[in-house]
Amino acid sequence: MAVALLDRNRAPPQWPSMSLLARPSASLRVNTVLRTALDMAAHSFVLAHNHPSGDPTPTRDDEAMTLELRHLAAELHVPFKAHVIVTPSGRYAAVHE
């Protein structure tokens, strides 16, 4: 999982890569993503992760995490711009709640 932290010009000044447990809970991932954005004083952020299966279709967990991130990020005034799923073959999809 990677988070692109964007500055006021929507440029990614940094790409902190987050190593997570193989099957972390969605709340742990949400907390980690938001903490990273706040700690780095991001103006907004984009989340990306891979689906090694090659199918970029968002899972229910992906959709639930996106909805929770959008809600909490809005409360913290750090806009969540996108959640993108990529695959080894280069296919990708955006997650919509």
Foldseek 3Di string as FASTA:
>chain_A
DWKFFAAPVRDRPDIDDDDDPPDDDLVVVLVVRVVVNVVVVGQAMEAEEEDAVQDQDDDPSNQVSVVVNQVVCVVVNHHYDWYKYAYPVGDIDTHDD
